């Protein structure tokens, strides 16, 4: 059985991923994945900045493939409007996101709005 890094390198060397990202961006993503730890989390715009893919859509396709293989974890995080950047609840899929969530920082139920919903990636699940 291979290690996480072996599985990651094998996945990153696949032709479809190399074609989607190109060599420089693929190497940047692999380097980022290799040095990330489970507590490292990234928004999609931050990953675009770090990886510099040909297009954001290309990176999204690659992240989806890596997520299917269990090499990347994606969550939909609701953040507190009272404390920007403070997550109050994570959901595994967009379909699971409830219209209202309890914000313990304000001690109230709040509506989930696009402004307080972030897609977060953990690169070492």
N, C-alpha and C. Protein backbone atom coordinates (compact mmCIF):
# COMPACT_ATOMS: atom_id res chain seq x y z
N UNK A 1 0.84 -1.19 0.00
CA UNK A 1 0.00 0.00 0.00
C UNK A 1 0.89 1.25 0.00
N UNK A 2 0.57 2.20 -0.87
CA UNK A 2 1.38 3.39 -1.00
C UNK A 2 1.09 4.40 0.09
N UNK A 3 2.03 5.30 0.27
CA UNK A 3 1.83 6.37 1.23
C UNK A 3 1.05 7.50 0.56
N UNK A 4 0.64 8.45 1.37
CA UNK A 4 -0.08 9.61 0.84
C UNK A 4 0.74 10.30 -0.25
N UNK A 5 2.03 10.51 0.02
CA UNK A 5 2.86 11.22 -0.96
C UNK A 5 3.06 10.40 -2.23
N UNK A 6 3.18 9.08 -2.10
CA UNK A 6 3.30 8.23 -3.30
C UNK A 6 2.04 8.35 -4.14
N UNK A 7 0.88 8.25 -3.50
CA UNK A 7 -0.40 8.37 -4.21
C UNK A 7 -0.53 9.75 -4.85
N UNK A 8 -0.09 10.76 -4.14
CA UNK A 8 -0.15 12.12 -4.65
C UNK A 8 0.73 12.28 -5.88
N UNK A 9 1.96 11.84 -5.79
CA UNK A 9 2.88 11.95 -6.94
C UNK A 9 2.36 11.18 -8.15
N UNK A 10 1.82 10.00 -7.92
CA UNK A 10 1.27 9.19 -9.00
C UNK A 10 0.09 9.93 -9.66
N UNK A 11 -0.78 10.49 -8.83
CA UNK A 11 -1.93 11.23 -9.37
C UNK A 11 -1.48 12.47 -10.14
N UNK A 12 -0.52 13.19 -9.58
CA UNK A 12 -0.07 14.42 -10.21
C UNK A 12 0.69 14.15 -11.50
N UNK A 13 1.22 12.96 -11.67
CA UNK A 13 1.95 12.66 -12.90
C UNK A 13 1.02 12.15 -14.01
N UNK A 14 -0.26 11.99 -13.70
CA UNK A 14 -1.18 11.50 -14.73
C UNK A 14 -1.27 12.52 -15.87
N UNK A 15 -1.47 12.01 -17.05
CA UNK A 15 -1.50 12.85 -18.25
C UNK A 15 -2.58 13.91 -18.17
N UNK A 16 -3.77 13.56 -17.69
CA UNK A 16 -4.87 14.53 -17.68
C UNK A 16 -4.56 15.71 -16.75
N UNK A 17 -3.90 15.44 -15.63
CA UNK A 17 -3.57 16.53 -14.71
C UNK A 17 -2.45 17.38 -15.30
N UNK A 18 -1.45 16.75 -15.88
CA UNK A 18 -0.35 17.51 -16.49
C UNK A 18 -0.87 18.40 -17.62
N UNK A 19 -1.79 17.87 -18.42
CA UNK A 19 -2.34 18.66 -19.52
C UNK A 19 -3.23 19.80 -19.00
N UNK A 20 -3.95 19.55 -17.93
CA UNK A 20 -4.84 20.58 -17.39
C UNK A 20 -4.07 21.76 -16.81
N UNK A 21 -2.98 21.48 -16.10
CA UNK A 21 -2.26 22.55 -15.41
C UNK A 21 -1.00 23.01 -16.14
N UNK A 22 -0.39 22.14 -16.91
CA UNK A 22 0.91 22.46 -17.48
C UNK A 22 1.99 22.17 -16.45
N UNK A 23 3.21 22.08 -16.91
CA UNK A 23 4.31 21.66 -16.04
C UNK A 23 4.60 22.62 -14.88
N UNK A 24 4.74 23.95 -15.13
CA UNK A 24 5.07 24.83 -14.00
C UNK A 24 3.99 24.85 -12.90
N UNK A 25 2.73 24.99 -13.30
CA UNK A 25 1.65 25.04 -12.31
C UNK A 25 1.49 23.69 -11.62
N UNK A 26 1.66 22.60 -12.36
CA UNK A 26 1.58 21.27 -11.75
C UNK A 26 2.64 21.08 -10.70
N UNK A 27 3.85 21.56 -10.98
CA UNK A 27 4.93 21.46 -9.99
C UNK A 27 4.63 22.32 -8.77
N UNK A 28 4.10 23.52 -8.98
CA UNK A 28 3.76 24.39 -7.85
C UNK A 28 2.70 23.74 -6.97
N UNK A 29 1.69 23.11 -7.60
CA UNK A 29 0.65 22.44 -6.82
C UNK A 29 1.24 21.25 -6.06
N UNK A 30 2.06 20.46 -6.72
CA UNK A 30 2.67 19.31 -6.05
C UNK A 30 3.53 19.77 -4.87
N UNK A 31 4.33 20.81 -5.06
CA UNK A 31 5.15 21.34 -3.97
C UNK A 31 4.28 21.80 -2.80
N UNK A 32 3.20 22.48 -3.11
CA UNK A 32 2.28 22.96 -2.07
C UNK A 32 1.65 21.78 -1.33
N UNK A 33 1.21 20.78 -2.07
CA UNK A 33 0.60 19.60 -1.46
C UNK A 33 1.60 18.86 -0.57
N UNK A 34 2.83 18.76 -1.02
CA UNK A 34 3.84 18.02 -0.26
C UNK A 34 4.22 18.71 1.04
N UNK A 35 4.19 20.03 1.06
CA UNK A 35 4.61 20.72 2.28
C UNK A 35 3.43 21.14 3.17
N UNK A 36 2.21 20.88 2.73
CA UNK A 36 1.04 21.21 3.54
C UNK A 36 0.83 20.17 4.63
N UNK A 37 0.25 20.62 5.71
CA UNK A 37 -0.12 19.71 6.79
C UNK A 37 -1.64 19.74 6.92
N UNK A 38 -2.23 18.80 7.66
CA UNK A 38 -3.69 18.73 7.75
C UNK A 38 -4.35 20.03 8.21
N UNK A 39 -3.67 20.81 9.01
CA UNK A 39 -4.31 22.04 9.50
C UNK A 39 -4.22 23.20 8.50
N UNK A 40 -3.45 23.04 7.42
CA UNK A 40 -3.40 24.08 6.39
C UNK A 40 -4.67 24.07 5.56
N UNK A 41 -5.31 25.21 5.47
CA UNK A 41 -6.53 25.34 4.68
C UNK A 41 -6.37 26.53 3.73
N UNK A 42 -6.98 26.39 2.56
CA UNK A 42 -6.84 27.41 1.52
C UNK A 42 -8.20 27.66 0.87
N UNK A 43 -8.47 28.92 0.58
CA UNK A 43 -9.62 29.24 -0.25
C UNK A 43 -9.21 29.00 -1.70
N UNK A 44 -10.20 28.88 -2.57
CA UNK A 44 -9.88 28.67 -3.98
C UNK A 44 -9.08 29.85 -4.56
N UNK A 45 -9.48 31.12 -4.27
CA UNK A 45 -8.69 32.23 -4.82
C UNK A 45 -7.22 32.20 -4.33
N UNK A 46 -7.00 31.76 -3.10
CA UNK A 46 -5.62 31.67 -2.60
C UNK A 46 -4.84 30.59 -3.36
N UNK A 47 -5.51 29.46 -3.64
CA UNK A 47 -4.85 28.41 -4.42
C UNK A 47 -4.51 28.89 -5.83
N UNK A 48 -5.41 29.65 -6.43
CA UNK A 48 -5.14 30.21 -7.77
C UNK A 48 -3.89 31.09 -7.71
N UNK A 49 -3.79 31.93 -6.66
CA UNK A 49 -2.62 32.79 -6.50
C UNK A 49 -1.33 31.97 -6.33
N UNK A 50 -1.39 30.90 -5.54
CA UNK A 50 -0.20 30.11 -5.25
C UNK A 50 0.23 29.22 -6.42
N UNK A 51 -0.75 28.61 -7.10
CA UNK A 51 -0.45 27.64 -8.15
C UNK A 51 -0.26 28.31 -9.50
N UNK A 52 -0.93 29.42 -9.75
CA UNK A 52 -0.87 30.15 -11.02
C UNK A 52 -1.19 29.24 -12.21
N UNK A 53 -2.38 28.63 -12.19
CA UNK A 53 -2.75 27.74 -13.30
C UNK A 53 -3.04 28.55 -14.56
N UNK A 54 -3.09 27.86 -15.73
CA UNK A 54 -3.45 28.58 -16.97
C UNK A 54 -4.80 29.29 -16.83
N UNK A 55 -5.77 28.62 -16.19
CA UNK A 55 -7.07 29.23 -15.89
C UNK A 55 -7.55 28.67 -14.56
N UNK A 56 -8.37 29.41 -13.83
CA UNK A 56 -8.94 28.88 -12.60
C UNK A 56 -9.76 27.60 -12.85
N UNK A 57 -10.42 27.52 -14.00
CA UNK A 57 -11.21 26.32 -14.32
C UNK A 57 -10.32 25.08 -14.39
N UNK A 58 -9.12 25.22 -14.92
CA UNK A 58 -8.19 24.09 -14.98
C UNK A 58 -7.84 23.61 -13.58
N UNK A 59 -7.57 24.54 -12.68
CA UNK A 59 -7.25 24.16 -11.30
C UNK A 59 -8.45 23.50 -10.63
N UNK A 60 -9.64 24.01 -10.88
CA UNK A 60 -10.85 23.42 -10.30
C UNK A 60 -11.01 21.96 -10.74
N UNK A 61 -10.75 21.69 -12.02
CA UNK A 61 -10.83 20.31 -12.53
C UNK A 61 -9.83 19.40 -11.84
N UNK A 62 -8.61 19.88 -11.68
CA UNK A 62 -7.57 19.08 -11.04
C UNK A 62 -7.91 18.83 -9.57
N UNK A 63 -8.37 19.86 -8.86
CA UNK A 63 -8.74 19.69 -7.46
C UNK A 63 -9.90 18.70 -7.31
N UNK A 64 -10.84 18.73 -8.25
CA UNK A 64 -11.96 17.77 -8.21
C UNK A 64 -11.44 16.34 -8.39
N UNK A 65 -10.50 16.14 -9.29
CA UNK A 65 -9.92 14.80 -9.49
C UNK A 65 -9.18 14.34 -8.24
N UNK A 66 -8.41 15.25 -7.65
CA UNK A 66 -7.66 14.89 -6.44
C UNK A 66 -8.60 14.63 -5.26
N UNK A 67 -9.71 15.36 -5.22
CA UNK A 67 -10.72 15.14 -4.17
C UNK A 67 -11.35 13.75 -4.33
N UNK A 68 -11.67 13.36 -5.56
CA UNK A 68 -12.24 12.04 -5.82
C UNK A 68 -11.31 10.93 -5.36
N UNK A 69 -10.00 11.16 -5.45
CA UNK A 69 -9.01 10.16 -5.05
C UNK A 69 -8.70 10.23 -3.55
N UNK A 70 -9.33 11.17 -2.85
CA UNK A 70 -9.10 11.31 -1.41
C UNK A 70 -7.81 12.02 -1.05
N UNK A 71 -7.23 12.75 -2.00
CA UNK A 71 -5.96 13.44 -1.75
C UNK A 71 -6.15 14.90 -1.37
N UNK A 72 -7.34 15.41 -1.57
CA UNK A 72 -7.70 16.78 -1.22
C UNK A 72 -9.08 16.73 -0.59
N UNK A 73 -9.30 17.54 0.42
CA UNK A 73 -10.62 17.62 1.05
C UNK A 73 -11.19 19.00 0.81
N UNK A 74 -12.47 19.04 0.44
CA UNK A 74 -13.16 20.31 0.21
C UNK A 74 -14.35 20.39 1.15
N UNK A 75 -14.52 21.55 1.79
CA UNK A 75 -15.70 21.80 2.61
C UNK A 75 -16.27 23.15 2.24
N UNK A 76 -17.55 23.29 2.53
CA UNK A 76 -18.24 24.57 2.36
C UNK A 76 -18.42 25.13 3.76
N UNK A 77 -17.74 26.22 4.04
CA UNK A 77 -17.71 26.78 5.40
C UNK A 77 -18.55 28.05 5.48
N UNK A 78 -19.43 28.07 6.47
CA UNK A 78 -20.20 29.27 6.78
C UNK A 78 -19.38 30.05 7.81
N UNK A 79 -19.16 31.32 7.51
CA UNK A 79 -18.40 32.18 8.40
C UNK A 79 -19.32 33.16 9.11
N UNK A 80 -18.94 33.55 10.30
CA UNK A 80 -19.72 34.50 11.08
C UNK A 80 -19.59 35.90 10.50
N UNK A 81 -20.71 36.57 10.23
CA UNK A 81 -20.61 37.96 9.77
C UNK A 81 -20.04 38.88 10.85
N UNK A 82 -20.17 38.47 12.11
CA UNK A 82 -19.66 39.28 13.22
C UNK A 82 -18.14 39.22 13.32
N UNK A 83 -17.55 38.09 12.90
CA UNK A 83 -16.10 37.90 12.97
C UNK A 83 -15.64 37.35 11.62
N UNK A 84 -15.35 38.22 10.66
CA UNK A 84 -14.95 37.75 9.33
C UNK A 84 -13.79 36.75 9.41
N UNK A 85 -13.94 35.67 8.66
CA UNK A 85 -12.93 34.63 8.65
C UNK A 85 -13.11 33.56 9.71
N UNK A 86 -14.04 33.77 10.63
CA UNK A 86 -14.29 32.79 11.69
C UNK A 86 -15.37 31.82 11.25
N UNK A 87 -14.97 30.58 11.02
CA UNK A 87 -15.92 29.57 10.59
C UNK A 87 -16.85 29.15 11.72
N UNK A 88 -18.12 28.96 11.38
CA UNK A 88 -19.06 28.51 12.40
C UNK A 88 -19.65 27.14 12.09
N UNK A 89 -19.58 26.72 10.81
CA UNK A 89 -20.05 25.38 10.48
C UNK A 89 -19.53 24.98 9.11
N UNK A 90 -19.11 23.71 9.00
CA UNK A 90 -18.63 23.15 7.73
C UNK A 90 -19.64 22.15 7.19
N UNK A 91 -19.78 22.13 5.88
CA UNK A 91 -20.65 21.18 5.19
C UNK A 91 -19.81 20.45 4.14
N UNK A 92 -20.11 19.17 3.93
CA UNK A 92 -19.34 18.37 2.98
C UNK A 92 -19.71 18.61 1.53
N UNK A 93 -20.92 19.11 1.30
CA UNK A 93 -21.31 19.42 -0.07
C UNK A 93 -22.22 20.65 -0.06
N UNK A 94 -22.32 21.29 -1.19
CA UNK A 94 -23.18 22.47 -1.30
C UNK A 94 -24.64 22.10 -1.03
N UNK A 95 -25.04 20.91 -1.44
CA UNK A 95 -26.41 20.46 -1.21
C UNK A 95 -26.72 20.30 0.27
N UNK A 96 -25.69 20.07 1.09
CA UNK A 96 -25.90 19.90 2.54
C UNK A 96 -26.05 21.22 3.29
N UNK A 97 -25.69 22.33 2.66
CA UNK A 97 -25.73 23.63 3.35
C UNK A 97 -27.17 23.98 3.69
N UNK A 98 -27.41 24.25 4.96
CA UNK A 98 -28.75 24.61 5.43
C UNK A 98 -28.98 26.11 5.24
N UNK A 99 -30.23 26.53 5.12
CA UNK A 99 -30.49 27.96 4.91
C UNK A 99 -30.16 28.82 6.14
N UNK A 100 -30.19 28.20 7.33
CA UNK A 100 -29.90 28.93 8.57
C UNK A 100 -28.89 28.13 9.37
N UNK A 101 -27.99 28.83 10.08
CA UNK A 101 -27.04 28.18 10.99
C UNK A 101 -26.96 29.01 12.27
N UNK A 102 -26.59 28.32 13.34
CA UNK A 102 -26.42 29.01 14.62
C UNK A 102 -25.04 29.63 14.67
N UNK A 103 -24.98 30.93 14.93
CA UNK A 103 -23.72 31.66 15.07
C UNK A 103 -23.47 31.85 16.56
N UNK A 104 -22.58 31.05 17.12
CA UNK A 104 -22.32 31.13 18.56
C UNK A 104 -21.61 32.42 18.97
N UNK A 105 -21.03 33.11 18.02
CA UNK A 105 -20.38 34.38 18.35
C UNK A 105 -21.41 35.48 18.61
N UNK A 106 -22.58 35.34 18.00
CA UNK A 106 -23.65 36.31 18.18
C UNK A 106 -24.82 35.74 18.99
N UNK A 107 -24.80 34.43 19.22
CA UNK A 107 -25.85 33.72 19.94
C UNK A 107 -27.21 33.87 19.24
N UNK A 108 -27.18 33.75 17.89
CA UNK A 108 -28.41 33.82 17.09
C UNK A 108 -28.29 32.90 15.89
N UNK A 109 -29.43 32.56 15.31
CA UNK A 109 -29.47 31.87 14.02
C UNK A 109 -29.30 32.93 12.94
N UNK A 110 -28.46 32.62 11.96
CA UNK A 110 -28.25 33.57 10.86
C UNK A 110 -28.55 32.89 9.54
N UNK A 111 -28.99 33.65 8.55
CA UNK A 111 -29.17 33.07 7.23
C UNK A 111 -27.82 32.87 6.55
N UNK A 112 -27.71 31.79 5.79
CA UNK A 112 -26.49 31.56 5.02
C UNK A 112 -26.62 32.36 3.73
N UNK A 113 -25.71 33.27 3.55
CA UNK A 113 -25.69 34.14 2.37
C UNK A 113 -24.40 33.87 1.59
N UNK A 114 -24.38 34.18 0.30
CA UNK A 114 -23.14 33.99 -0.46
C UNK A 114 -21.94 34.71 0.16
N UNK A 115 -22.19 35.84 0.82
CA UNK A 115 -21.10 36.62 1.41
C UNK A 115 -20.42 35.89 2.58
N UNK A 116 -21.14 34.97 3.23
CA UNK A 116 -20.53 34.29 4.38
C UNK A 116 -20.33 32.79 4.15
N UNK A 117 -20.27 32.40 2.88
CA UNK A 117 -20.02 31.00 2.53
C UNK A 117 -18.73 30.92 1.72
N UNK A 118 -17.79 30.10 2.19
CA UNK A 118 -16.49 29.95 1.54
C UNK A 118 -16.25 28.49 1.20
N UNK A 119 -15.56 28.25 0.08
CA UNK A 119 -15.09 26.91 -0.25
C UNK A 119 -13.66 26.82 0.26
N UNK A 120 -13.43 25.83 1.10
CA UNK A 120 -12.13 25.66 1.75
C UNK A 120 -11.54 24.32 1.36
N UNK A 121 -10.26 24.33 1.01
CA UNK A 121 -9.55 23.09 0.66
C UNK A 121 -8.49 22.79 1.70
N UNK A 122 -8.44 21.53 2.09
CA UNK A 122 -7.36 21.02 2.92
C UNK A 122 -6.58 20.09 2.00
N UNK A 123 -5.29 20.34 1.87
CA UNK A 123 -4.51 19.62 0.87
C UNK A 123 -3.83 18.38 1.39
N UNK A 124 -4.10 18.02 2.62
CA UNK A 124 -3.47 16.84 3.21
C UNK A 124 -4.49 16.20 4.15
N UNK A 125 -5.59 15.65 3.58
CA UNK A 125 -6.68 15.17 4.43
C UNK A 125 -6.30 14.02 5.33
